[in-house]
């Protein structure tokens, strides 16, 4: 947890009060955290969890074992994409 002292504009204060009331939170700190949770992904991408990274690597390895480095022809790609 990080402690921070912030100075809010009247508008920011009003927004936090609305978030606090809407989600029945006990203080503006919780409201600020909720606001960041809701809209923070638009600014900063979350870090992937280790379990997710391992899952993606596993999928990739299984795909490579099954298909190796097989390439798809343009005709096969068009057929797959239903392009005539």
C-alpha atoms as a PDB file:
ATOM      1  CA  UNK A   1       0.000   0.000   0.000  1.00  0.00           C
ATOM      2  CA  UNK A   2       1.187   3.501  -0.840  1.00  0.00           C
ATOM      3  CA  UNK A   3       0.088   6.504   1.157  1.00  0.00           C
ATOM      4  CA  UNK A   4      -0.361   9.741  -0.779  1.00  0.00           C
ATOM      5  CA  UNK A   5      -1.624  13.159   0.051  1.00  0.00           C
ATOM      6  CA  UNK A   6      -3.460  14.660  -2.914  1.00  0.00           C
ATOM      7  CA  UNK A   7      -4.959  18.010  -3.775  1.00  0.00           C
ATOM      8  CA  UNK A   8      -8.191  17.667  -5.742  1.00  0.00           C
ATOM      9  CA  UNK A   9     -10.023  20.141  -7.919  1.00  0.00           C
ATOM     10  CA  UNK A  10     -13.707  20.711  -7.153  1.00  0.00           C
ATOM     11  CA  UNK A  11     -14.640  18.576 -10.162  1.00  0.00           C
ATOM     12  CA  UNK A  12     -12.349  15.697  -9.124  1.00  0.00           C
ATOM     13  CA  UNK A  13     -13.797  15.834  -5.623  1.00  0.00           C
ATOM     14  CA  UNK A  14     -17.325  15.688  -7.059  1.00  0.00           C
ATOM     15  CA  UNK A  15     -16.439  12.705  -9.273  1.00  0.00           C
ATOM     16  CA  UNK A  16     -14.932  10.821  -6.328  1.00  0.00           C
ATOM     17  CA  UNK A  17     -18.005  11.546  -4.214  1.00  0.00           C
ATOM     18  CA  UNK A  18     -20.234  10.109  -6.960  1.00  0.00           C
ATOM     19  CA  UNK A  19     -18.035   6.989  -7.295  1.00  0.00           C
ATOM     20  CA  UNK A  20     -18.035   6.611  -3.517  1.00  0.00           C
ATOM     21  CA  UNK A  21     -21.841   6.806  -3.360  1.00  0.00           C
ATOM     22  CA  UNK A  22     -22.451   4.657  -6.445  1.00  0.00           C
ATOM     23  CA  UNK A  23     -20.361   1.751  -5.154  1.00  0.00           C
ATOM     24  CA  UNK A  24     -21.193   2.286  -1.456  1.00  0.00           C
ATOM     25  CA  UNK A  25     -17.551   2.829  -0.492  1.00  0.00           C
ATOM     26  CA  UNK A  26     -16.460   4.115   2.906  1.00  0.00           C
ATOM     27  CA  UNK A  27     -14.005   6.837   1.846  1.00  0.00           C
ATOM     28  CA  UNK A  28     -12.492   8.734  -1.066  1.00  0.00           C
ATOM     29  CA  UNK A  29      -9.422   6.528  -0.984  1.00  0.00           C
ATOM     30  CA  UNK A  30     -11.576   3.523  -1.878  1.00  0.00           C
ATOM     31  CA  UNK A  31     -13.373   5.645  -4.486  1.00  0.00           C
ATOM     32  CA  UNK A  32     -10.080   6.640  -6.093  1.00  0.00           C
ATOM     33  CA  UNK A  33      -8.921   3.008  -6.147  1.00  0.00           C
ATOM     34  CA  UNK A  34     -12.253   1.952  -7.692  1.00  0.00           C
ATOM     35  CA  UNK A  35     -11.985   4.672 -10.342  1.00  0.00           C
ATOM     36  CA  UNK A  36      -8.460   3.564 -11.235  1.00  0.00           C
ATOM     37  CA  UNK A  37      -9.587  -0.079 -11.329  1.00  0.00           C
ATOM     38  CA  UNK A  38     -12.384   0.837 -13.754  1.00  0.00           C
ATOM     39  CA  UNK A  39     -10.478   3.174 -16.073  1.00  0.00           C
ATOM     40  CA  UNK A  40      -6.769   2.563 -15.470  1.00  0.00           C
ATOM     41  CA  UNK A  41      -6.483  -0.030 -18.250  1.00  0.00           C
ATOM     42  CA  UNK A  42      -7.116   2.748 -20.766  1.00  0.00           C
ATOM     43  CA  UNK A  43      -3.868   4.400 -19.685  1.00  0.00           C
ATOM     44  CA  UNK A  44      -1.617   1.639 -18.312  1.00  0.00           C
ATOM     45  CA  UNK A  45      -1.755  -1.980 -19.406  1.00  0.00           C
ATOM     46  CA  UNK A  46      -1.811  -4.484 -16.546  1.00  0.00           C
ATOM     47  CA  UNK A  47       1.071  -6.896 -16.174  1.00  0.00           C
ATOM     48  CA  UNK A  48       0.349 -10.474 -17.151  1.00  0.00           C
ATOM     49  CA  UNK A  49       0.310 -12.984 -14.311  1.00  0.00           C
ATOM     50  CA  UNK A  50       2.921 -15.740 -14.367  1.00  0.00           C
ATOM     51  CA  UNK A  51       0.223 -18.401 -14.662  1.00  0.00           C
ATOM     52  CA  UNK A  52      -1.190 -16.734 -17.794  1.00  0.00           C
ATOM     53  CA  UNK A  53       2.256 -16.387 -19.388  1.00  0.00           C
ATOM     54  CA  UNK A  54       2.974 -20.075 -18.720  1.00  0.00           C
ATOM     55  CA  UNK A  55      -0.381 -21.015 -20.289  1.00  0.00           C
ATOM     56  CA  UNK A  56       0.346 -19.000 -23.453  1.00  0.00           C
ATOM     57  CA  UNK A  57       3.834 -20.506 -23.725  1.00  0.00           C
ATOM     58  CA  UNK A  58       2.326 -23.994 -23.341  1.00  0.00           C
ATOM     59  CA  UNK A  59      -0.202 -23.330 -26.098  1.00  0.00           C
ATOM     60  CA  UNK A  60       2.562 -22.049 -28.352  1.00  0.00           C
ATOM     61  CA  UNK A  61       4.777 -25.090 -27.675  1.00  0.00           C
ATOM     62  CA  UNK A  62       1.918 -27.530 -28.360  1.00  0.00           C
ATOM     63  CA  UNK A  63       1.135 -25.731 -31.604  1.00  0.00           C
ATOM     64  CA  UNK A  64       4.762 -25.888 -32.722  1.00  0.00           C
ATOM     65  CA  UNK A  65       4.947 -29.624 -31.867  1.00  0.00           C
ATOM     66  CA  UNK A  66       1.818 -30.304 -33.871  1.00  0.00           C
ATOM     67  CA  UNK A  67       2.451 -28.077 -36.885  1.00  0.00           C
ATOM     68  CA  UNK A  68       6.202 -27.406 -36.654  1.00  0.00           C
ATOM     69  CA  UNK A  69       6.930 -24.606 -39.111  1.00  0.00           C
ATOM     70  CA  UNK A  70       4.320 -25.559 -41.693  1.00  0.00           C
ATOM     71  CA  UNK A  71       3.348 -22.628 -43.859  1.00  0.00           C
ATOM     72  CA  UNK A  72      -0.097 -21.918 -45.231  1.00  0.00           C
ATOM     73  CA  UNK A  73      -0.612 -21.105 -48.878  1.00  0.00           C
ATOM     74  CA  UNK A  74      -2.615 -18.089 -49.962  1.00  0.00           C
ATOM     75  CA  UNK A  75      -5.337 -20.428 -51.245  1.00  0.00           C
ATOM     76  CA  UNK A  76      -5.543 -22.191 -47.869  1.00  0.00           C
ATOM     77  CA  UNK A  77      -5.715 -18.854 -46.074  1.00  0.00           C
ATOM     78  CA  UNK A  78      -8.445 -17.600 -48.425  1.00  0.00           C
ATOM     79  CA  UNK A  79     -10.425 -20.815 -47.868  1.00  0.00           C
ATOM     80  CA  UNK A  80     -10.019 -20.499 -44.092  1.00  0.00           C
ATOM     81  CA  UNK A  81     -11.187 -16.875 -44.214  1.00  0.00           C
ATOM     82  CA  UNK A  82     -13.999 -17.759 -46.632  1.00  0.00           C
ATOM     83  CA  UNK A  83     -12.646 -15.390 -49.280  1.00  0.00           C
ATOM     84  CA  UNK A  84     -13.440 -16.385 -52.835  1.00  0.00           C
END
